[in-house]
C-alpha cells in the first residue's frame, strides 16, 4: 500500500473516532476531500519579490484580486500540465502575523518561495515550514525562486545566463540543505509580460525598435533615463516588462520578431519560466499524491494533539509509523539531491538512479526504461545493492544506492 492509500485509511479511521466533534470531523473531512482537488501551490515571499507577477506568469493570464489575505486561482501552467490551485499570499515580513504564516503552512501542499537575491535572502519562512517534526521528516515541498533574475545579471540581455550560474552555486549552499528541493532563476516581469503581451504594448515596442541605436541606447542605460525620454508610455512598459524586458524585446524585434506571437514566443523562453514549469512538474505535480498525503498527515497530527481522546494513542502510533516508513519522501529528497548536484554519482549511474526513483514517471515501465519484467527489476536490485555495499564507495553514494535498492524492491513487490 503506497503512502497516499495509507494516509487515506488513517484519515478515515480518525474521522470515525472524531465523528462526534464537528470541528475535528470537518478538518479531517477537508483533508480527505483535498485528495481529489488540484494540488495547492502557494507563491510566497517578502515585499517586492513579485508574487502576484509570478502567479500571473505561471497561470498565463493577468490575474487580479483585492484584499490583504490569500487569493486563490485555478490554472494550468501549460497545456500538458495538470491544473493547479495557485495561492497568492500576503508578503512575509516583520509585520506578518503568526496566523498568516500558519494559514499558508496549513493550506498549501507545495511552496514556491521567492527571493530577490541569495545574499540577502530571508529564509525564516522556510525554517518555519520545517518547525514540525513531520515536516522535517518530509521536507520535500518547496522550491526557491530567484524572482528578479534579470537584476542578478545587471539587466543585460544575457542576464539569465549569469542568474543560472548563481542559482547553481546557491542550491548547493549548506544553509539550503533540508529547506528546499531546488533553486530556479526567473525574470518574473518578463515571464508574465511575455505570456500576456498586449497589442498596444507590442506596437510601442516596435516603435522603440525603429529608433536608431545610437539615439536609443543612452535612454536604455537606466530606468530614470528611459522614463525621462518616453514619459507615461515608457512607464507602462517598465511596469509590465522591466528595463531588462524592454531591452530584450527591442533586440528581438530588430532581429526579426515582427509579430506579437513571434515576440511572445521568444520572450517567454528567455525568462526562465520553462525551467520553473519543469520544476513544478518534477517536484510537485508528478508527486501530487505524496504531497497531499504529507499535508493530510500534518493536519491529522494537529487534531490528535488538540483533541486527545481514547483512540488518540493508537492513531498517533500509526501516524508515526506511516511517516517513518514513507519511502516516497526519501525518493523525493534523493531526486532533488541528484538533480541539484548535492549528491554526485557517475553520469550513467545518476541517470539510471533518477529513472528508477521515478524521475521520468512513477510507473513500473517508466522506472525500468520500458522493460517492466521481473528479471529487469531483480537485475537492478543486484547492481545497486552491490554499490550500496561497496567498501570503496563514498557515504553519499552508498546511502543513495540504498534508497534506489528500496525503490527497486518495492517494484518487485508491486507498484509504489
Protein backbone atom coordinates (compact mmCIF):
# COMPACT_ATOMS: atom_id res chain seq x y z
CA UNK A 1 0.00 0.00 0.00
CA UNK A 2 1.52 3.35 -1.03
CA UNK A 3 1.71 6.47 1.13
CA UNK A 4 -1.46 8.07 -0.24
CA UNK A 5 -3.52 4.92 0.37
CA UNK A 6 -2.13 4.51 3.89
CA UNK A 7 -2.87 8.16 4.67
CA UNK A 8 -6.44 7.95 3.37
CA UNK A 9 -7.08 4.87 5.50
CA UNK A 10 -5.64 6.57 8.58
CA UNK A 11 -7.74 9.69 7.98
CA UNK A 12 -10.88 7.58 7.62
CA UNK A 13 -10.12 5.84 10.92
CA UNK A 14 -9.56 9.19 12.60
CA UNK A 15 -12.76 10.57 11.07
CA UNK A 16 -14.72 7.70 12.63
CA UNK A 17 -13.07 8.32 16.00
CA UNK A 18 -13.83 12.07 15.90
CA UNK A 19 -17.25 11.90 14.27
CA UNK A 20 -18.86 13.46 17.36
CA UNK A 21 -16.55 16.51 17.20
CA UNK A 22 -17.85 18.85 14.47
CA UNK A 23 -14.62 20.87 14.35
CA UNK A 24 -12.27 17.88 14.13
CA UNK A 25 -14.53 15.96 11.74
CA UNK A 26 -14.74 18.99 9.44
CA UNK A 27 -10.95 19.41 9.48
CA UNK A 28 -10.33 15.73 8.70
CA UNK A 29 -13.06 15.69 6.05
CA UNK A 30 -11.45 18.65 4.28
CA UNK A 31 -8.15 16.80 4.09
CA UNK A 32 -9.88 13.74 2.66
CA UNK A 33 -11.57 15.94 0.04
CA UNK A 34 -8.22 17.53 -0.88
CA UNK A 35 -7.04 14.24 -2.38
CA UNK A 36 -9.47 14.77 -5.27
CA UNK A 37 -8.73 18.51 -5.64
CA UNK A 38 -5.89 20.06 -7.67
CA UNK A 39 -2.57 20.45 -5.90
CA UNK A 40 -2.37 23.67 -3.89
CA UNK A 41 0.75 25.67 -4.78
CA UNK A 42 1.44 28.78 -2.70
CA UNK A 43 3.63 31.57 -4.06
CA UNK A 44 5.32 33.10 -1.01
CA UNK A 45 7.89 35.85 -0.49
CA UNK A 46 8.73 39.17 1.07
CA UNK A 47 7.71 42.62 -0.19
CA UNK A 48 8.68 43.46 -3.79
CA UNK A 49 9.59 39.89 -4.69
CA UNK A 50 6.92 39.79 -7.40
CA UNK A 51 4.50 37.21 -6.01
CA UNK A 52 1.44 38.34 -7.96
CA UNK A 53 3.54 38.74 -11.09
CA UNK A 54 4.82 35.17 -10.73
CA UNK A 55 1.29 33.85 -10.22
CA UNK A 56 0.21 35.57 -13.45
CA UNK A 57 3.27 34.20 -15.27
CA UNK A 58 2.53 30.62 -14.17
CA UNK A 59 -1.16 30.95 -14.99
CA UNK A 60 -0.51 32.64 -18.34
CA UNK A 61 -3.11 35.31 -17.72
CA UNK A 62 -3.42 38.56 -15.83
CA UNK A 63 -4.98 37.70 -12.50
CA UNK A 64 -6.43 40.36 -10.28
CA UNK A 65 -7.91 40.45 -6.83
CA UNK A 66 -8.18 42.69 -3.82
CA UNK A 67 -7.59 42.21 -0.13
CA UNK A 68 -4.78 41.51 2.30
CA UNK A 69 -5.42 37.79 2.64
CA UNK A 70 -4.64 34.81 0.43
CA UNK A 71 -6.03 34.90 -3.11
CA UNK A 72 -6.83 31.61 -4.86
CA UNK A 73 -6.79 30.85 -8.60
CA UNK A 74 -7.25 27.71 -10.70
CA UNK A 75 -4.86 27.44 -13.65
CA UNK A 76 -2.74 25.02 -15.67
CA UNK A 77 0.88 26.21 -16.18
CA UNK A 78 0.84 24.75 -19.71
CA UNK A 79 -1.40 22.66 -21.93
CA UNK A 80 0.45 19.48 -20.95
CA UNK A 81 0.37 20.10 -17.19
CA UNK A 82 -2.32 19.32 -14.65
CA UNK A 83 -4.45 22.09 -13.24
CA UNK A 84 -3.16 23.72 -10.06
CA UNK A 85 -4.72 25.83 -7.35
CA UNK A 86 -2.37 28.81 -7.16
CA UNK A 87 -2.34 30.76 -3.90
CA UNK A 88 -1.11 34.36 -3.97
CA UNK A 89 -0.11 35.06 -0.36
CA UNK A 90 0.43 38.20 1.73
CA UNK A 91 4.01 39.45 1.95
CA UNK A 92 6.11 37.68 4.57
CA UNK A 93 8.00 40.32 6.54
CA UNK A 94 8.34 41.53 10.13
CA UNK A 95 4.69 42.55 10.07
CA UNK A 96 3.37 39.13 9.02
CA UNK A 97 1.26 37.64 11.80
CA UNK A 98 1.73 34.08 13.08
CA UNK A 99 -1.81 33.38 11.87
CA UNK A 100 -0.84 34.35 8.31
CA UNK A 101 2.19 32.07 8.31
CA UNK A 102 0.29 29.21 9.93
CA UNK A 103 -2.50 29.64 7.39
CA UNK A 104 -0.10 29.30 4.47
CA UNK A 105 1.52 26.22 6.00
CA UNK A 106 -1.89 24.63 6.59
CA UNK A 107 -3.41 25.38 3.20
CA UNK A 108 -0.50 24.78 0.80
CA UNK A 109 0.66 21.38 -0.42
CA UNK A 110 3.74 22.94 -2.03
CA UNK A 111 5.50 26.30 -1.93
CA UNK A 112 7.44 28.49 -4.33
CA UNK A 113 9.49 30.80 -2.10
CA UNK A 114 10.53 33.96 -3.94
CA UNK A 115 13.71 35.87 -3.10
CA UNK A 116 15.29 38.77 -4.95
CA UNK A 117 18.94 37.90 -4.27
CA UNK A 118 20.55 34.96 -2.46
CA UNK A 119 22.94 37.17 -0.48
CA UNK A 120 20.20 38.88 1.49
CA UNK A 121 17.53 36.20 1.35
CA UNK A 122 15.41 35.81 4.47
CA UNK A 123 14.94 32.06 4.82
CA UNK A 124 12.95 32.32 8.02
CA UNK A 125 9.71 31.18 6.37
CA UNK A 126 11.39 28.04 5.02
CA UNK A 127 12.62 27.26 8.52
CA UNK A 128 9.07 27.77 9.79
CA UNK A 129 7.84 25.27 7.21
CA UNK A 130 10.08 22.70 8.91
CA UNK A 131 9.17 23.59 12.51
CA UNK A 132 7.03 20.48 12.83
CA UNK A 133 8.61 17.04 13.32
CA UNK A 134 6.55 15.54 10.49
CA UNK A 135 7.51 18.45 8.21
CA UNK A 136 11.22 17.91 8.96
CA UNK A 137 10.88 14.22 8.14
CA UNK A 138 9.18 15.10 4.85
CA UNK A 139 10.95 18.30 3.73
CA UNK A 140 10.06 17.88 0.07
CA UNK A 141 7.53 20.59 -0.74
CA UNK A 142 9.41 23.82 -1.52
CA UNK A 143 11.44 25.36 -4.34
CA UNK A 144 13.29 28.67 -4.03
CA UNK A 145 12.78 31.05 -6.96
CA UNK A 146 15.23 33.88 -7.68
CA UNK A 147 12.35 36.01 -8.93
CA UNK A 148 14.34 39.02 -10.16
CA UNK A 149 16.83 37.03 -12.18
CA UNK A 150 17.39 39.94 -14.57
CA UNK A 151 18.70 42.07 -11.69
CA UNK A 152 21.26 39.38 -10.83
CA UNK A 153 22.77 39.85 -14.29
CA UNK A 154 22.75 43.64 -14.17
CA UNK A 155 19.77 43.89 -16.52
CA UNK A 156 21.87 42.83 -19.51
CA UNK A 157 20.23 40.99 -22.40
CA UNK A 158 22.12 37.84 -21.31
CA UNK A 159 21.28 38.37 -17.62
CA UNK A 160 19.60 34.98 -17.22
CA UNK A 161 22.87 33.17 -18.02
CA UNK A 162 24.51 34.85 -15.01
CA UNK A 163 21.42 34.16 -12.89
CA UNK A 164 21.57 30.45 -13.72
CA UNK A 165 25.21 30.29 -12.62
CA UNK A 166 24.30 32.00 -9.33
CA UNK A 167 21.40 29.57 -8.83
CA UNK A 168 23.68 26.55 -9.42
CA UNK A 169 26.05 27.74 -6.71
CA UNK A 170 23.28 28.75 -4.31
CA UNK A 171 21.38 25.45 -4.48
CA UNK A 172 24.46 23.69 -3.05
CA UNK A 173 24.85 26.06 -0.09
CA UNK A 174 24.69 24.23 3.27
CA UNK A 175 22.06 26.69 4.55
CA UNK A 176 19.59 25.39 1.95
CA UNK A 177 20.02 21.69 2.70
CA UNK A 178 16.75 20.33 4.01
CA UNK A 179 14.92 23.59 3.25
CA UNK A 180 14.12 23.29 -0.45
CA UNK A 181 14.26 20.91 -3.38
CA UNK A 182 15.89 23.30 -5.84
CA UNK A 183 16.72 26.91 -6.74
CA UNK A 184 15.36 28.28 -10.03
CA UNK A 185 16.04 31.74 -11.55
CA UNK A 186 13.15 33.52 -13.29
CA UNK A 187 12.77 37.04 -14.66
CA UNK A 188 9.24 37.38 -13.32
CA UNK A 189 8.17 40.54 -15.14
CA UNK A 190 9.44 39.22 -18.45
CA UNK A 191 7.70 35.87 -17.92
CA UNK A 192 4.35 37.48 -17.09
CA UNK A 193 4.67 40.14 -19.77
CA UNK A 194 5.60 37.62 -22.43
CA UNK A 195 2.64 35.37 -21.64
CA UNK A 196 0.14 38.26 -21.55
CA UNK A 197 1.61 40.61 -24.20
CA UNK A 198 -0.97 43.13 -25.45
CA UNK A 199 -1.24 44.61 -28.94
CA UNK A 200 -0.68 48.18 -27.72
CA UNK A 201 2.47 47.12 -25.86
CA UNK A 202 3.79 45.30 -28.91
CA UNK A 203 3.19 48.38 -31.06
CA UNK A 204 5.02 50.59 -28.56
CA UNK A 205 7.99 48.21 -28.53
CA UNK A 206 8.07 48.13 -32.34
CA UNK A 207 8.16 51.94 -32.37
CA UNK A 208 11.10 51.92 -29.96
CA UNK A 209 12.94 49.34 -32.05
CA UNK A 210 12.64 51.68 -35.04
CA UNK A 211 14.56 54.41 -33.20
CA UNK A 212 18.23 54.47 -34.31
CA UNK A 213 20.50 52.55 -31.95
CA UNK A 214 22.78 55.50 -31.28
CA UNK A 215 19.78 57.54 -30.13
CA UNK A 216 18.02 54.83 -28.11
CA UNK A 217 20.92 53.13 -26.31
CA UNK A 218 21.63 56.04 -23.91
CA UNK A 219 17.94 56.07 -22.94
CA UNK A 220 18.12 52.37 -22.02
CA UNK A 221 21.04 52.76 -19.60
CA UNK A 222 18.70 53.24 -16.63
CA UNK A 223 15.02 53.30 -15.78
CA UNK A 224 15.22 57.02 -14.92
CA UNK A 225 16.67 57.90 -18.32
CA UNK A 226 14.09 55.78 -20.10
CA UNK A 227 11.23 57.43 -18.20
CA UNK A 228 12.61 60.90 -18.84
CA UNK A 229 12.65 60.30 -22.58
CA UNK A 230 9.45 58.26 -23.02
CA UNK A 231 7.09 59.54 -20.33
CA UNK A 232 3.89 57.64 -19.48
CA UNK A 233 4.07 55.11 -22.36
CA UNK A 234 7.54 54.14 -21.15
CA UNK A 235 6.30 53.87 -17.56
CA UNK A 236 3.68 51.34 -18.69
CA UNK A 237 6.34 49.24 -20.44
CA UNK A 238 8.64 49.34 -17.41
CA UNK A 239 5.84 48.27 -15.11
CA UNK A 240 4.96 45.35 -17.35
CA UNK A 241 8.40 44.15 -18.54
CA UNK A 242 11.09 45.91 -16.53
CA UNK A 243 14.07 47.55 -18.18
CA UNK A 244 15.59 44.14 -18.94
CA UNK A 245 12.42 43.06 -20.74
CA UNK A 246 12.22 46.27 -22.75
CA UNK A 247 15.85 45.93 -23.86
CA UNK A 248 15.37 42.27 -24.78
CA UNK A 249 12.12 42.88 -26.67
CA UNK A 250 13.69 45.66 -28.74
CA UNK A 251 16.67 43.41 -29.57
CA UNK A 252 14.41 40.55 -30.65
CA UNK A 253 12.22 42.80 -32.80
CA UNK A 254 15.31 44.13 -34.55
CA UNK A 255 16.38 40.52 -35.16
CA UNK A 256 13.12 39.65 -36.88
CA UNK A 257 10.33 39.12 -34.30
CA UNK A 258 7.92 41.29 -36.26
CA UNK A 259 4.60 39.93 -34.98
CA UNK A 260 3.11 39.77 -31.50
CA UNK A 261 3.02 35.94 -31.38
CA UNK A 262 6.62 35.62 -32.57
CA UNK A 263 7.86 38.13 -30.00
CA UNK A 264 5.94 36.50 -27.16
CA UNK A 265 7.25 33.08 -28.24
CA UNK A 266 10.82 34.37 -27.90
CA UNK A 267 10.40 36.38 -24.70
CA UNK A 268 8.99 33.59 -22.53
CA UNK A 269 11.82 31.04 -23.08
CA UNK A 270 14.35 33.76 -22.17
CA UNK A 271 12.60 34.45 -18.86
CA UNK A 272 13.39 31.14 -17.18
CA UNK A 273 9.68 30.29 -16.93
CA UNK A 274 10.13 26.98 -18.79
CA UNK A 275 12.64 25.81 -16.16
CA UNK A 276 10.24 26.82 -13.40
CA UNK A 277 7.37 24.91 -15.02
CA UNK A 278 9.64 21.86 -15.32
CA UNK A 279 10.49 22.15 -11.62
CA UNK A 280 6.81 22.44 -10.69
CA UNK A 281 6.19 19.29 -12.73
CA UNK A 282 9.14 17.27 -11.42
CA UNK A 283 8.91 18.18 -7.76
CA UNK A 284 5.20 18.84 -7.28
CA UNK A 285 2.55 17.82 -9.82
CA UNK A 286 4.12 14.45 -10.72
CA UNK A 287 4.10 13.61 -7.00
CA UNK A 288 0.95 15.43 -6.01
CA UNK A 289 -0.50 12.40 -4.21
CA UNK A 290 2.59 12.27 -1.98
CA UNK A 291 2.39 15.98 -1.21
CA UNK A 292 -1.33 15.82 -0.47
CA UNK A 293 -0.65 12.89 1.86
CA UNK A 294 2.03 14.98 3.57
CA UNK A 295 -0.50 17.80 4.13
CA UNK A 296 -3.05 15.34 5.49
CA UNK A 297 -0.56 13.77 7.92
CA UNK A 298 0.32 17.22 9.26
CA UNK A 299 -3.38 18.02 9.58
CA UNK A 300 -4.09 14.77 11.41
CA UNK A 301 -1.33 15.46 13.92
CA UNK A 302 -2.97 18.79 14.75
CA UNK A 303 -6.26 17.05 15.56
CA UNK A 304 -4.61 14.37 17.69
CA UNK A 305 -2.65 16.99 19.63
CA UNK A 306 -5.51 19.46 20.12
CA UNK A 307 -8.31 16.99 20.92
CA UNK A 308 -6.94 13.91 22.68
CA UNK A 309 -9.35 11.05 23.33
CA UNK A 310 -9.18 7.26 23.94
CA UNK A 311 -8.42 6.46 20.28
CA UNK A 312 -5.62 9.03 20.09
CA UNK A 313 -2.63 6.89 21.23
CA UNK A 314 -3.29 4.18 18.64
CA UNK A 315 -3.84 6.74 15.87
CA UNK A 316 -0.69 8.65 16.88
CA UNK A 317 1.36 5.44 16.82
CA UNK A 318 0.08 4.60 13.35
CA UNK A 319 0.74 8.16 12.19
CA UNK A 320 4.35 7.90 13.37
CA UNK A 321 4.77 4.54 11.65
CA UNK A 322 3.43 5.87 8.35
CA UNK A 323 5.75 8.90 8.42
CA UNK A 324 8.86 6.94 9.40
CA UNK A 325 8.27 4.24 6.78
CA UNK A 326 7.32 6.62 3.93
CA UNK A 327 9.86 5.74 1.25
CA UNK A 328 8.25 8.26 -1.12
CA UNK A 329 9.77 11.12 0.93
CA UNK A 330 13.25 9.56 0.64
CA UNK A 331 12.79 9.24 -3.11
CA UNK A 332 11.90 12.90 -3.49
CA UNK A 333 14.82 14.04 -1.33
CA UNK A 334 17.28 11.94 -3.32
CA UNK A 335 15.84 13.03 -6.67
CA UNK A 336 16.37 16.65 -5.66
CA UNK A 337 19.90 15.93 -4.42
CA UNK A 338 20.84 14.23 -7.70
CA UNK A 339 19.30 16.92 -9.89
CA UNK A 340 20.98 19.75 -8.00
CA UNK A 341 24.37 18.07 -7.61
CA UNK A 342 24.18 17.88 -3.82
CA UNK A 343 24.93 14.18 -4.25
CA UNK A 344 27.27 13.23 -7.08
CA UNK A 345 27.19 9.90 -8.89
CA UNK A 346 28.91 8.97 -12.17
CA UNK A 347 26.72 10.31 -15.02
CA UNK A 348 25.36 6.93 -16.17
CA UNK A 349 24.55 5.85 -12.61
CA UNK A 350 22.94 9.21 -11.82
CA UNK A 351 20.72 8.97 -14.90
CA UNK A 352 19.66 5.42 -14.01
CA UNK A 353 19.03 6.40 -10.38
CA UNK A 354 16.76 9.29 -11.43
CA UNK A 355 14.79 6.91 -13.66
CA UNK A 356 14.46 4.17 -11.02
CA UNK A 357 13.39 6.72 -8.42
CA UNK A 358 10.51 7.79 -10.65
CA UNK A 359 12.07 10.96 -12.04
CA UNK A 360 10.64 10.24 -15.52
CA UNK A 361 7.34 8.77 -14.34
CA UNK A 362 6.33 6.57 -11.44
CA UNK A 363 5.00 3.56 -13.39
CA UNK A 364 6.99 0.30 -13.48
CA UNK A 365 7.77 0.56 -17.20
CA UNK A 366 8.86 4.20 -16.84
CA UNK A 367 11.11 3.41 -13.91
CA UNK A 368 12.68 0.45 -15.70
CA UNK A 369 13.09 2.18 -19.05
CA UNK A 370 10.39 0.24 -20.86
CA UNK A 371 11.34 -3.22 -19.62
CA UNK A 372 8.93 -3.99 -16.80
CA UNK A 373 9.95 -7.63 -16.45
CA UNK A 374 10.75 -9.24 -13.12
CA UNK A 375 14.21 -10.07 -14.46
CA UNK A 376 14.93 -6.36 -15.05
CA UNK A 377 13.81 -5.50 -11.51
CA UNK A 378 15.98 -8.20 -9.93
CA UNK A 379 18.97 -7.17 -12.04
CA UNK A 380 18.60 -3.56 -10.88
CA UNK A 381 18.35 -4.69 -7.25
CA UNK A 382 21.54 -6.74 -7.60
CA UNK A 383 23.58 -3.96 -9.21
CA UNK A 384 22.50 -1.22 -6.83
CA UNK A 385 22.89 -3.44 -3.78
CA UNK A 386 26.48 -4.07 -4.84
CA UNK A 387 27.08 -0.31 -4.92
CA UNK A 388 25.39 0.17 -1.54
CA UNK A 389 27.74 -2.42 -0.03
CA UNK A 390 30.92 -1.49 -1.93
CA UNK A 391 33.66 -0.64 0.61
CA UNK A 392 35.34 1.94 -1.62
CA UNK A 393 32.17 3.92 -2.31
CA UNK A 394 31.60 7.22 -0.52
CA UNK A 395 28.99 7.62 2.19
CA UNK A 396 26.73 9.68 -0.09
CA UNK A 397 26.95 7.08 -2.86
CA UNK A 398 26.12 4.20 -0.52
CA UNK A 399 23.16 6.00 1.01
CA UNK A 400 21.83 6.95 -2.42
CA UNK A 401 22.24 3.38 -3.63
CA UNK A 402 20.35 2.08 -0.58
CA UNK A 403 17.38 4.31 -1.42
CA UNK A 404 17.43 3.11 -5.03
CA UNK A 405 17.53 -0.51 -3.82
CA UNK A 406 14.44 0.12 -1.69
CA UNK A 407 12.62 1.59 -4.70
CA UNK A 408 13.52 -1.47 -6.78
CA UNK A 409 12.42 -3.81 -4.02
CA UNK A 410 9.06 -2.02 -3.95
CA UNK A 411 8.80 -2.55 -7.71
CA UNK A 412 9.46 -6.25 -7.20
CA UNK A 413 6.66 -6.41 -4.67
CA UNK A 414 4.25 -4.28 -6.75
CA UNK A 415 3.72 -0.64 -7.78
CA UNK A 416 4.66 2.07 -5.29
